């Protein structure tokens, strides 16, 4: 495959992704606005799930919006490289950095969305279980705080990783020979954050599986 064909394929993918995101954003915006007018009933055991769902709608909307802008910027870069249009080196360098930041920001927001979606599903399942058993137990409380603590830790690591990555990007704009080694060291330290993040996700997944086993147990008993 030639270089021109490769660029055309990338251009097609970026345009398709931008169109799909453009279709998804308006319905999600409507859902988020409608959720703001939902009134929780005091006797609803899953009322916290609707609060977290509003956050999920908002973060998902921001994620799709930044991804949409990212693909538009990528499309501009690909179009300029596929045509005879010559862009200033400074502008092209700026566009590449902008796309990198948009990609990192949308990835971080996607992690945040996943965290709140997990909490939402747990609260919803907890509410259904309380409706079926008509009782609360200390086990639910332990699970709830376990998930909240691990989710807060995942949120902290995700946001901190984005902030550190942004700081490294700012340093790279004025990078000289003296600071190059320091930036590479910062990048290596940034990669080390993946290990505790994966451990926390593992803990959260284990807690959720334990909750799933506990939920199915009452239904299987005679």
C-alpha atoms as a PDB file:
ATOM      1  CA  UNK A   1       0.000   0.000   0.000  1.00  0.00           C
ATOM      2  CA  UNK A   2       1.416   3.384  -1.025  1.00  0.00           C
ATOM      3  CA  UNK A   3       1.746   6.335   1.289  1.00  0.00           C
ATOM      4  CA  UNK A   4      -1.084   8.167  -0.478  1.00  0.00           C
ATOM      5  CA  UNK A   5      -3.437   5.192  -0.116  1.00  0.00           C
ATOM      6  CA  UNK A   6      -2.550   4.917   3.562  1.00  0.00           C
ATOM      7  CA  UNK A   7      -3.383   8.583   4.076  1.00  0.00           C
ATOM      8  CA  UNK A   8      -6.687   8.143   2.235  1.00  0.00           C
ATOM      9  CA  UNK A   9      -7.590   5.188   4.465  1.00  0.00           C
ATOM     10  CA  UNK A  10      -6.782   7.182   7.590  1.00  0.00           C
ATOM     11  CA  UNK A  11      -8.788  10.088   6.211  1.00  0.00           C
ATOM     12  CA  UNK A  12     -11.800   7.831   5.587  1.00  0.00           C
ATOM     13  CA  UNK A  13     -11.610   6.403   9.114  1.00  0.00           C
ATOM     14  CA  UNK A  14     -11.343   9.834  10.716  1.00  0.00           C
ATOM     15  CA  UNK A  15     -14.277  11.186   8.689  1.00  0.00           C
ATOM     16  CA  UNK A  16     -16.407   8.115   9.489  1.00  0.00           C
ATOM     17  CA  UNK A  17     -15.606   8.372  13.198  1.00  0.00           C
ATOM     18  CA  UNK A  18     -16.413  12.087  13.212  1.00  0.00           C
ATOM     19  CA  UNK A  19     -19.778  11.454  11.519  1.00  0.00           C
ATOM     20  CA  UNK A  20     -20.695   8.661  13.950  1.00  0.00           C
ATOM     21  CA  UNK A  21     -19.756  10.793  16.948  1.00  0.00           C
ATOM     22  CA  UNK A  22     -21.725  13.692  15.511  1.00  0.00           C
ATOM     23  CA  UNK A  23     -24.774  11.402  15.351  1.00  0.00           C
ATOM     24  CA  UNK A  24     -24.320  10.154  18.931  1.00  0.00           C
ATOM     25  CA  UNK A  25     -23.737  13.510  20.633  1.00  0.00           C
ATOM     26  CA  UNK A  26     -27.241  15.104  20.218  1.00  0.00           C
ATOM     27  CA  UNK A  27     -29.215  12.134  21.685  1.00  0.00           C
ATOM     28  CA  UNK A  28     -26.784  11.922  24.587  1.00  0.00           C
ATOM     29  CA  UNK A  29     -27.188  15.643  25.197  1.00  0.00           C
ATOM     30  CA  UNK A  30     -30.986  15.221  25.255  1.00  0.00           C
ATOM     31  CA  UNK A  31     -30.714  12.306  27.696  1.00  0.00           C
ATOM     32  CA  UNK A  32     -28.478  14.336  30.009  1.00  0.00           C
ATOM     33  CA  UNK A  33     -30.842  17.333  29.954  1.00  0.00           C
ATOM     34  CA  UNK A  34     -33.853  15.086  30.613  1.00  0.00           C
ATOM     35  CA  UNK A  35     -32.045  13.411  33.513  1.00  0.00           C
ATOM     36  CA  UNK A  36     -31.647  16.790  35.216  1.00  0.00           C
ATOM     37  CA  UNK A  37     -35.431  17.004  35.571  1.00  0.00           C
ATOM     38  CA  UNK A  38     -35.840  13.560  37.123  1.00  0.00           C
ATOM     39  CA  UNK A  39     -37.092  13.723  40.708  1.00  0.00           C
ATOM     40  CA  UNK A  40     -35.896  10.979  43.020  1.00  0.00           C
ATOM     41  CA  UNK A  41     -38.391   9.342  45.333  1.00  0.00           C
ATOM     42  CA  UNK A  42     -37.309   9.166  48.939  1.00  0.00           C
ATOM     43  CA  UNK A  43     -38.438   5.539  49.205  1.00  0.00           C
ATOM     44  CA  UNK A  44     -36.480   4.468  46.117  1.00  0.00           C
ATOM     45  CA  UNK A  45     -33.579   2.235  47.276  1.00  0.00           C
ATOM     46  CA  UNK A  46     -31.716   2.897  44.011  1.00  0.00           C
ATOM     47  CA  UNK A  47     -32.101   6.681  44.054  1.00  0.00           C
ATOM     48  CA  UNK A  48     -28.320   7.222  44.200  1.00  0.00           C
ATOM     49  CA  UNK A  49     -27.992   5.337  40.907  1.00  0.00           C
ATOM     50  CA  UNK A  50     -29.829   8.149  39.107  1.00  0.00           C
ATOM     51  CA  UNK A  51     -27.506  10.747  40.612  1.00  0.00           C
ATOM     52  CA  UNK A  52     -24.452   8.878  39.375  1.00  0.00           C
ATOM     53  CA  UNK A  53     -26.118   8.315  36.006  1.00  0.00           C
ATOM     54  CA  UNK A  54     -26.349  12.078  35.512  1.00  0.00           C
ATOM     55  CA  UNK A  55     -22.582  12.240  35.987  1.00  0.00           C
ATOM     56  CA  UNK A  56     -22.150   9.366  33.512  1.00  0.00           C
ATOM     57  CA  UNK A  57     -24.192  11.242  30.903  1.00  0.00           C
ATOM     58  CA  UNK A  58     -22.122  14.400  31.399  1.00  0.00           C
ATOM     59  CA  UNK A  59     -18.697  12.742  31.282  1.00  0.00           C
ATOM     60  CA  UNK A  60     -19.715  10.580  28.309  1.00  0.00           C
ATOM     61  CA  UNK A  61     -20.968  13.697  26.515  1.00  0.00           C
ATOM     62  CA  UNK A  62     -17.661  15.474  27.151  1.00  0.00           C
ATOM     63  CA  UNK A  63     -15.740  12.386  26.019  1.00  0.00           C
ATOM     64  CA  UNK A  64     -17.604  12.182  22.713  1.00  0.00           C
ATOM     65  CA  UNK A  65     -17.286  15.938  22.174  1.00  0.00           C
ATOM     66  CA  UNK A  66     -13.520  15.966  22.657  1.00  0.00           C
ATOM     67  CA  UNK A  67     -13.187  12.847  20.483  1.00  0.00           C
ATOM     68  CA  UNK A  68     -15.228  14.601  17.791  1.00  0.00           C
ATOM     69  CA  UNK A  69     -12.919  17.631  17.912  1.00  0.00           C
ATOM     70  CA  UNK A  70      -9.928  15.279  17.864  1.00  0.00           C
ATOM     71  CA  UNK A  71     -11.081  13.585  14.646  1.00  0.00           C
ATOM     72  CA  UNK A  72     -11.843  16.957  13.049  1.00  0.00           C
ATOM     73  CA  UNK A  73      -8.293  18.116  13.847  1.00  0.00           C
ATOM     74  CA  UNK A  74      -6.858  14.827  12.554  1.00  0.00           C
ATOM     75  CA  UNK A  75      -8.884  15.256   9.378  1.00  0.00           C
ATOM     76  CA  UNK A  76      -7.379  18.720   8.878  1.00  0.00           C
ATOM     77  CA  UNK A  77      -3.865  17.334   9.259  1.00  0.00           C
ATOM     78  CA  UNK A  78      -4.529  14.413   6.895  1.00  0.00           C
ATOM     79  CA  UNK A  79      -6.171  16.626   4.268  1.00  0.00           C
ATOM     80  CA  UNK A  80      -3.200  18.990   4.289  1.00  0.00           C
ATOM     81  CA  UNK A  81      -0.764  16.077   3.935  1.00  0.00           C
ATOM     82  CA  UNK A  82      -2.782  14.478   1.109  1.00  0.00           C
ATOM     83  CA  UNK A  83      -3.104  17.701  -0.886  1.00  0.00           C
ATOM     84  CA  UNK A  84      -0.596  20.154  -2.232  1.00  0.00           C
ATOM     85  CA  UNK A  85      -1.482  22.604   0.528  1.00  0.00           C
ATOM     86  CA  UNK A  86       1.596  23.644   2.466  1.00  0.00           C
ATOM     87  CA  UNK A  87       1.008  24.532   6.082  1.00  0.00           C
ATOM     88  CA  UNK A  88       3.513  26.448   8.195  1.00  0.00           C
ATOM     89  CA  UNK A  89       5.684  24.150  10.302  1.00  0.00           C
ATOM     90  CA  UNK A  90       4.648  25.973  13.466  1.00  0.00           C
ATOM     91  CA  UNK A  91       0.954  25.501  12.752  1.00  0.00           C
ATOM     92  CA  UNK A  92       1.362  21.804  11.912  1.00  0.00           C
ATOM     93  CA  UNK A  93       3.418  21.271  15.075  1.00  0.00           C
ATOM     94  CA  UNK A  94       0.711  23.033  17.075  1.00  0.00           C
ATOM     95  CA  UNK A  95      -2.059  20.904  15.526  1.00  0.00           C
ATOM     96  CA  UNK A  96      -0.198  17.675  16.328  1.00  0.00           C
ATOM     97  CA  UNK A  97       0.184  18.715  19.962  1.00  0.00           C
ATOM     98  CA  UNK A  98      -3.485  19.704  20.137  1.00  0.00           C
ATOM     99  CA  UNK A  99      -4.583  16.301  18.817  1.00  0.00           C
ATOM    100  CA  UNK A 100      -2.337  14.567  21.349  1.00  0.00           C
ATOM    101  CA  UNK A 101      -3.868  16.583  24.195  1.00  0.00           C
ATOM    102  CA  UNK A 102      -7.404  15.947  22.964  1.00  0.00           C
ATOM    103  CA  UNK A 103      -6.670  12.238  22.749  1.00  0.00           C
ATOM    104  CA  UNK A 104      -5.273  12.174  26.301  1.00  0.00           C
ATOM    105  CA  UNK A 105      -8.180  14.241  27.671  1.00  0.00           C
ATOM    106  CA  UNK A 106     -10.858  12.092  26.026  1.00  0.00           C
ATOM    107  CA  UNK A 107      -9.134   8.926  27.294  1.00  0.00           C
ATOM    108  CA  UNK A 108      -9.082  10.300  30.843  1.00  0.00           C
ATOM    109  CA  UNK A 109     -12.754  11.283  30.632  1.00  0.00           C
ATOM    110  CA  UNK A 110     -13.561   7.803  29.337  1.00  0.00           C
ATOM    111  CA  UNK A 111     -11.882   6.316  32.430  1.00  0.00           C
ATOM    112  CA  UNK A 112     -13.939   8.641  34.624  1.00  0.00           C
ATOM    113  CA  UNK A 113     -17.102   7.592  32.776  1.00  0.00           C
ATOM    114  CA  UNK A 114     -16.277   3.920  33.326  1.00  0.00           C
ATOM    115  CA  UNK A 115     -15.785   4.491  37.059  1.00  0.00           C
ATOM    116  CA  UNK A 116     -19.126   6.235  37.524  1.00  0.00           C
ATOM    117  CA  UNK A 117     -20.851   3.679  35.303  1.00  0.00           C
ATOM    118  CA  UNK A 118     -19.593   0.889  37.582  1.00  0.00           C
ATOM    119  CA  UNK A 119     -20.896   2.748  40.637  1.00  0.00           C
ATOM    120  CA  UNK A 120     -24.232   3.366  38.886  1.00  0.00           C
ATOM    121  CA  UNK A 121     -24.702  -0.289  37.993  1.00  0.00           C
ATOM    122  CA  UNK A 122     -23.791  -1.346  41.522  1.00  0.00           C
ATOM    123  CA  UNK A 123     -26.269   1.076  43.082  1.00  0.00           C
ATOM    124  CA  UNK A 124     -28.952  -0.041  40.642  1.00  0.00           C
ATOM    125  CA  UNK A 125     -28.342  -3.717  41.377  1.00  0.00           C
ATOM    126  CA  UNK A 126     -28.268  -2.969  45.084  1.00  0.00           C
ATOM    127  CA  UNK A 127     -31.644  -1.235  44.813  1.00  0.00           C
ATOM    128  CA  UNK A 128     -33.188  -4.145  42.922  1.00  0.00           C
ATOM    129  CA  UNK A 129     -31.872  -6.598  45.508  1.00  0.00           C
ATOM    130  CA  UNK A 130     -33.290  -4.556  48.380  1.00  0.00           C
ATOM    131  CA  UNK A 131     -36.669  -4.503  46.614  1.00  0.00           C
ATOM    132  CA  UNK A 132     -36.590  -8.293  46.276  1.00  0.00           C
ATOM    133  CA  UNK A 133     -35.397  -9.104  49.787  1.00  0.00           C
ATOM    134  CA  UNK A 134     -37.081  -6.133  51.527  1.00  0.00           C
ATOM    135  CA  UNK A 135     -34.108  -5.704  53.822  1.00  0.00           C
ATOM    136  CA  UNK A 136     -30.700  -4.093  54.089  1.00  0.00           C
ATOM    137  CA  UNK A 137     -27.582  -5.670  55.533  1.00  0.00           C
ATOM    138  CA  UNK A 138     -24.115  -4.581  56.572  1.00  0.00           C
ATOM    139  CA  UNK A 139     -22.734  -6.551  53.628  1.00  0.00           C
ATOM    140  CA  UNK A 140     -24.172  -3.984  51.205  1.00  0.00           C
ATOM    141  CA  UNK A 141     -22.586  -1.176  53.192  1.00  0.00           C
ATOM    142  CA  UNK A 142     -19.156  -2.828  53.104  1.00  0.00           C
ATOM    143  CA  UNK A 143     -19.420  -3.420  49.355  1.00  0.00           C
ATOM    144  CA  UNK A 144     -20.620   0.116  48.709  1.00  0.00           C
ATOM    145  CA  UNK A 145     -17.723   1.749  50.540  1.00  0.00           C
ATOM    146  CA  UNK A 146     -15.232  -0.715  49.036  1.00  0.00           C
ATOM    147  CA  UNK A 147     -16.341   0.240  45.544  1.00  0.00           C
ATOM    148  CA  UNK A 148     -16.400   3.948  46.394  1.00  0.00           C
ATOM    149  CA  UNK A 149     -12.859   3.821  47.820  1.00  0.00           C
ATOM    150  CA  UNK A 150     -11.387   1.898  44.880  1.00  0.00           C
ATOM    151  CA  UNK A 151     -13.265   4.091  42.394  1.00  0.00           C
ATOM    152  CA  UNK A 152     -11.977   7.238  44.095  1.00  0.00           C
ATOM    153  CA  UNK A 153      -8.447   5.845  43.880  1.00  0.00           C
ATOM    154  CA  UNK A 154      -8.868   5.056  40.174  1.00  0.00           C
ATOM    155  CA  UNK A 155     -10.237   8.556  39.573  1.00  0.00           C
ATOM    156  CA  UNK A 156      -7.283  10.082  41.410  1.00  0.00           C
ATOM    157  CA  UNK A 157      -4.747   8.090  39.394  1.00  0.00           C
ATOM    158  CA  UNK A 158      -6.477   8.820  36.073  1.00  0.00           C
ATOM    159  CA  UNK A 159      -6.692  12.564  36.677  1.00  0.00           C
ATOM    160  CA  UNK A 160      -3.171  12.733  38.117  1.00  0.00           C
ATOM    161  CA  UNK A 161      -1.796  10.848  35.114  1.00  0.00           C
ATOM    162  CA  UNK A 162      -3.453  13.330  32.764  1.00  0.00           C
ATOM    163  CA  UNK A 163      -2.115  16.326  34.725  1.00  0.00           C
ATOM    164  CA  UNK A 164       1.413  14.915  34.756  1.00  0.00           C
ATOM    165  CA  UNK A 165       1.204  14.155  31.039  1.00  0.00           C
ATOM    166  CA  UNK A 166       0.068  17.716  30.373  1.00  0.00           C
ATOM    167  CA  UNK A 167       2.969  19.043  32.447  1.00  0.00           C
ATOM    168  CA  UNK A 168       5.423  16.953  30.415  1.00  0.00           C
ATOM    169  CA  UNK A 169       3.847  18.258  27.208  1.00  0.00           C
ATOM    170  CA  UNK A 170       4.308  21.869  28.371  1.00  0.00           C
ATOM    171  CA  UNK A 171       7.972  21.164  29.110  1.00  0.00           C
ATOM    172  CA  UNK A 172       8.470  19.638  25.663  1.00  0.00           C
ATOM    173  CA  UNK A 173       7.375  22.874  23.967  1.00  0.00           C
ATOM    174  CA  UNK A 174      10.479  24.635  25.270  1.00  0.00           C
ATOM    175  CA  UNK A 175      12.699  21.567  25.379  1.00  0.00           C
ATOM    176  CA  UNK A 176      16.467  21.963  25.146  1.00  0.00           C
ATOM    177  CA  UNK A 177      19.284  19.449  25.496  1.00  0.00           C
ATOM    178  CA  UNK A 178      19.510  19.919  29.264  1.00  0.00           C
ATOM    179  CA  UNK A 179      15.839  19.181  29.890  1.00  0.00           C
ATOM    180  CA  UNK A 180      15.508  16.309  27.402  1.00  0.00           C
ATOM    181  CA  UNK A 181      16.798  13.678  29.840  1.00  0.00           C
ATOM    182  CA  UNK A 182      14.493  14.973  32.552  1.00  0.00           C
ATOM    183  CA  UNK A 183      11.470  14.706  30.258  1.00  0.00           C
ATOM    184  CA  UNK A 184      12.348  11.128  29.315  1.00  0.00           C
ATOM    185  CA  UNK A 185      12.631  10.307  33.011  1.00  0.00           C
ATOM    186  CA  UNK A 186       9.213  11.871  33.642  1.00  0.00           C
ATOM    187  CA  UNK A 187       7.730   9.773  30.841  1.00  0.00           C
ATOM    188  CA  UNK A 188       9.176   6.597  32.353  1.00  0.00           C
ATOM    189  CA  UNK A 189       7.739   7.518  35.754  1.00  0.00           C
ATOM    190  CA  UNK A 190       4.386   8.224  34.111  1.00  0.00           C
ATOM    191  CA  UNK A 191       4.318   4.706  32.648  1.00  0.00           C
ATOM    192  CA  UNK A 192       4.851   3.269  36.132  1.00  0.00           C
ATOM    193  CA  UNK A 193       1.424   4.621  37.168  1.00  0.00           C
ATOM    194  CA  UNK A 194      -0.195   1.946  34.983  1.00  0.00           C
ATOM    195  CA  UNK A 195       0.697  -0.770  37.510  1.00  0.00           C
ATOM    196  CA  UNK A 196      -1.244   0.594  40.533  1.00  0.00           C
ATOM    197  CA  UNK A 197      -4.071   1.585  38.200  1.00  0.00           C
ATOM    198  CA  UNK A 198      -4.407  -1.998  36.954  1.00  0.00           C
ATOM    199  CA  UNK A 199      -4.216  -3.316  40.528  1.00  0.00           C
ATOM    200  CA  UNK A 200      -7.044  -1.018  41.612  1.00  0.00           C
ATOM    201  CA  UNK A 201      -9.157  -2.043  38.631  1.00  0.00           C
ATOM    202  CA  UNK A 202      -8.521  -5.665  39.621  1.00  0.00           C
ATOM    203  CA  UNK A 203      -9.670  -5.000  43.186  1.00  0.00           C
ATOM    204  CA  UNK A 204     -12.789  -3.214  41.940  1.00  0.00           C
ATOM    205  CA  UNK A 205     -13.571  -6.081  39.557  1.00  0.00           C
ATOM    206  CA  UNK A 206     -13.151  -8.628  42.361  1.00  0.00           C
ATOM    207  CA  UNK A 207     -15.541  -6.718  44.608  1.00  0.00           C
ATOM    208  CA  UNK A 208     -18.088  -6.484  41.791  1.00  0.00           C
ATOM    209  CA  UNK A 209     -17.853 -10.215  41.114  1.00  0.00           C
ATOM    210  CA  UNK A 210     -18.365 -10.951  44.804  1.00  0.00           C
ATOM    211  CA  UNK A 211     -21.453  -8.744  44.702  1.00  0.00           C
ATOM    212  CA  UNK A 212     -22.729 -10.578  41.617  1.00  0.00           C
ATOM    213  CA  UNK A 213     -22.300 -13.925  43.347  1.00  0.00           C
ATOM    214  CA  UNK A 214     -24.151 -12.634  46.385  1.00  0.00           C
ATOM    215  CA  UNK A 215     -26.975 -11.275  44.231  1.00  0.00           C
ATOM    216  CA  UNK A 216     -27.534 -14.576  42.436  1.00  0.00           C
ATOM    217  CA  UNK A 217     -27.393 -16.627  45.619  1.00  0.00           C
ATOM    218  CA  UNK A 218     -30.854 -15.664  46.996  1.00  0.00           C
ATOM    219  CA  UNK A 219     -32.473 -16.578  43.681  1.00  0.00           C
ATOM    220  CA  UNK A 220     -30.980 -20.060  43.675  1.00  0.00           C
ATOM    221  CA  UNK A 221     -32.020 -20.935  47.191  1.00  0.00           C
ATOM    222  CA  UNK A 222     -35.317 -22.823  47.646  1.00  0.00           C
END
